[in-house]
Amino acid sequence: MSEKHFVYILETERGTLYCGYTDNVEKRFLKHQSGNGGKYTRANKPIKIAYTKEFSTKSDALKEEYRIKHKLNRKQKLELIAQYQHSH
């Protein structure tokens, strides 16, 4: 069985966005909601998974996570989310 690698974006109660990498989006989301997912999501509780994208390699997923976090502004992230939600 091949591993799955995902990049995800969460929307928080405050309307902010959080991007991360995981091999199991639902499990990671629950960890964030419980306060054990990371410093940012402890202070900014996630309310929904706004975006996911699957990759065949961890390297490709981490490159996309970096691109989203460091190269896209908020408007571009919202456009990415809108395109994703329109296609699902």
C-alpha atoms as a PDB file:
ATOM      1  CA  MET A   1       0.000   0.000   0.000  1.00  0.00           C
ATOM      2  CA  SER A   2       1.443   3.354  -0.993  1.00  0.00           C
ATOM      3  CA  GLU A   3       1.456   6.237   1.443  1.00  0.00           C
ATOM      4  CA  LYS A   4      -0.721   9.241   0.850  1.00  0.00           C
ATOM      5  CA  HIS A   5       0.502  12.766   1.381  1.00  0.00           C
ATOM      6  CA  PHE A   6      -1.747  15.797   1.711  1.00  0.00           C
ATOM      7  CA  VAL A   7      -1.519  19.550   1.949  1.00  0.00           C
ATOM      8  CA  TYR A   8      -4.491  21.112   3.693  1.00  0.00           C
ATOM      9  CA  ILE A   9      -5.815  24.525   4.605  1.00  0.00           C
ATOM     10  CA  LEU A  10      -7.987  25.014   7.681  1.00  0.00           C
ATOM     11  CA  GLU A  11     -10.276  27.937   8.374  1.00  0.00           C
ATOM     12  CA  THR A  12     -10.262  29.117  11.987  1.00  0.00           C
ATOM     13  CA  GLU A  13     -12.917  30.699  14.217  1.00  0.00           C
ATOM     14  CA  ARG A  14     -11.259  34.070  13.653  1.00  0.00           C
ATOM     15  CA  GLY A  15     -11.421  33.679   9.875  1.00  0.00           C
ATOM     16  CA  THR A  16      -7.699  33.067   9.508  1.00  0.00           C
ATOM     17  CA  LEU A  17      -6.187  30.299   7.396  1.00  0.00           C
ATOM     18  CA  TYR A  18      -3.726  27.616   8.468  1.00  0.00           C
ATOM     19  CA  CYS A  19      -1.807  25.465   5.975  1.00  0.00           C
ATOM     20  CA  GLY A  20      -0.126  22.174   6.814  1.00  0.00           C
ATOM     21  CA  TYR A  21       1.049  18.760   5.661  1.00  0.00           C
ATOM     22  CA  THR A  22      -0.207  15.352   6.812  1.00  0.00           C
ATOM     23  CA  ASP A  23      -0.734  11.751   5.757  1.00  0.00           C
ATOM     24  CA  ASN A  24      -4.276  11.744   7.231  1.00  0.00           C
ATOM     25  CA  VAL A  25      -6.307  14.954   6.957  1.00  0.00           C
ATOM     26  CA  GLU A  26      -9.242  13.963   9.192  1.00  0.00           C
ATOM     27  CA  LYS A  27      -6.976  12.696  11.986  1.00  0.00           C
ATOM     28  CA  ARG A  28      -4.816  15.829  11.788  1.00  0.00           C
ATOM     29  CA  PHE A  29      -7.877  18.105  11.823  1.00  0.00           C
ATOM     30  CA  LEU A  30      -9.132  16.422  14.995  1.00  0.00           C
ATOM     31  CA  LYS A  31      -5.702  16.865  16.565  1.00  0.00           C
ATOM     32  CA  HIS A  32      -5.774  20.579  15.724  1.00  0.00           C
ATOM     33  CA  GLN A  33      -9.304  20.897  17.143  1.00  0.00           C
ATOM     34  CA  SER A  34      -8.266  19.198  20.385  1.00  0.00           C
ATOM     35  CA  GLY A  35      -5.504  21.775  20.890  1.00  0.00           C
ATOM     36  CA  ASN A  36      -2.648  19.341  20.201  1.00  0.00           C
ATOM     37  CA  GLY A  37      -2.035  20.185  16.543  1.00  0.00           C
ATOM     38  CA  GLY A  38       0.293  23.123  16.949  1.00  0.00           C
ATOM     39  CA  LYS A  39       0.831  26.465  18.597  1.00  0.00           C
ATOM     40  CA  TYR A  40      -1.080  28.480  15.974  1.00  0.00           C
ATOM     41  CA  THR A  41      -4.197  26.309  16.044  1.00  0.00           C
ATOM     42  CA  ARG A  42      -4.212  26.245  19.863  1.00  0.00           C
ATOM     43  CA  ALA A  43      -4.729  30.028  19.732  1.00  0.00           C
ATOM     44  CA  ASN A  44      -6.876  29.979  16.571  1.00  0.00           C
ATOM     45  CA  LYS A  45      -9.300  27.064  16.768  1.00  0.00           C
ATOM     46  CA  PRO A  46      -9.953  25.478  13.373  1.00  0.00           C
ATOM     47  CA  ILE A  47     -13.598  25.114  12.379  1.00  0.00           C
ATOM     48  CA  LYS A  48     -13.353  23.439   8.988  1.00  0.00           C
ATOM     49  CA  ILE A  49     -11.100  21.877   6.395  1.00  0.00           C
ATOM     50  CA  ALA A  50     -11.265  24.361   3.526  1.00  0.00           C
ATOM     51  CA  TYR A  51      -8.836  22.693   1.097  1.00  0.00           C
ATOM     52  CA  THR A  52      -6.967  19.434   0.563  1.00  0.00           C
ATOM     53  CA  LYS A  53      -4.714  18.206  -2.197  1.00  0.00           C
ATOM     54  CA  GLU A  54      -3.178  14.746  -2.434  1.00  0.00           C
ATOM     55  CA  PHE A  55       0.380  14.077  -3.617  1.00  0.00           C
ATOM     56  CA  SER A  56       2.176  10.851  -4.450  1.00  0.00           C
ATOM     57  CA  THR A  57       5.350  11.859  -2.590  1.00  0.00           C
ATOM     58  CA  LYS A  58       6.012  13.595   0.695  1.00  0.00           C
ATOM     59  CA  SER A  59       8.556  15.820  -1.055  1.00  0.00           C
ATOM     60  CA  ASP A  60       5.965  17.111  -3.543  1.00  0.00           C
ATOM     61  CA  ALA A  61       3.471  17.756  -0.741  1.00  0.00           C
ATOM     62  CA  LEU A  62       6.015  19.650   1.355  1.00  0.00           C
ATOM     63  CA  LYS A  63       7.005  21.768  -1.650  1.00  0.00           C
ATOM     64  CA  GLU A  64       3.350  22.709  -2.170  1.00  0.00           C
ATOM     65  CA  GLU A  65       2.885  23.453   1.534  1.00  0.00           C
ATOM     66  CA  TYR A  66       5.890  25.795   1.354  1.00  0.00           C
ATOM     67  CA  ARG A  67       4.537  27.456  -1.800  1.00  0.00           C
ATOM     68  CA  ILE A  68       1.125  28.065  -0.221  1.00  0.00           C
ATOM     69  CA  LYS A  69       2.565  29.332   3.085  1.00  0.00           C
ATOM     70  CA  HIS A  70       5.322  31.531   1.705  1.00  0.00           C
ATOM     71  CA  LYS A  71       4.439  32.482  -1.865  1.00  0.00           C
ATOM     72  CA  LEU A  72       0.665  33.025  -1.812  1.00  0.00           C
ATOM     73  CA  ASN A  73      -1.018  35.985  -0.167  1.00  0.00           C
ATOM     74  CA  ARG A  74      -4.388  35.654   1.575  1.00  0.00           C
ATOM     75  CA  LYS A  75      -6.336  36.587  -1.571  1.00  0.00           C
ATOM     76  CA  GLN A  76      -4.511  33.899  -3.581  1.00  0.00           C
ATOM     77  CA  LYS A  77      -5.147  31.316  -0.850  1.00  0.00           C
ATOM     78  CA  LEU A  78      -8.854  32.175  -0.858  1.00  0.00           C
ATOM     79  CA  GLU A  79      -8.895  31.796  -4.664  1.00  0.00           C
ATOM     80  CA  LEU A  80      -7.238  28.374  -4.333  1.00  0.00           C
ATOM     81  CA  ILE A  81      -9.885  27.360  -1.774  1.00  0.00           C
ATOM     82  CA  ALA A  82     -12.719  28.664  -3.978  1.00  0.00           C
ATOM     83  CA  GLN A  83     -11.435  26.685  -6.992  1.00  0.00           C
ATOM     84  CA  TYR A  84     -11.153  23.555  -4.839  1.00  0.00           C
ATOM     85  CA  GLN A  85     -14.635  23.914  -3.356  1.00  0.00           C
ATOM     86  CA  HIS A  86     -16.138  24.567  -6.788  1.00  0.00           C
ATOM     87  CA  SER A  87     -14.636  21.322  -8.108  1.00  0.00           C
ATOM     88  CA  HIS A  88     -15.774  19.160  -5.147  1.00  0.00           C
END
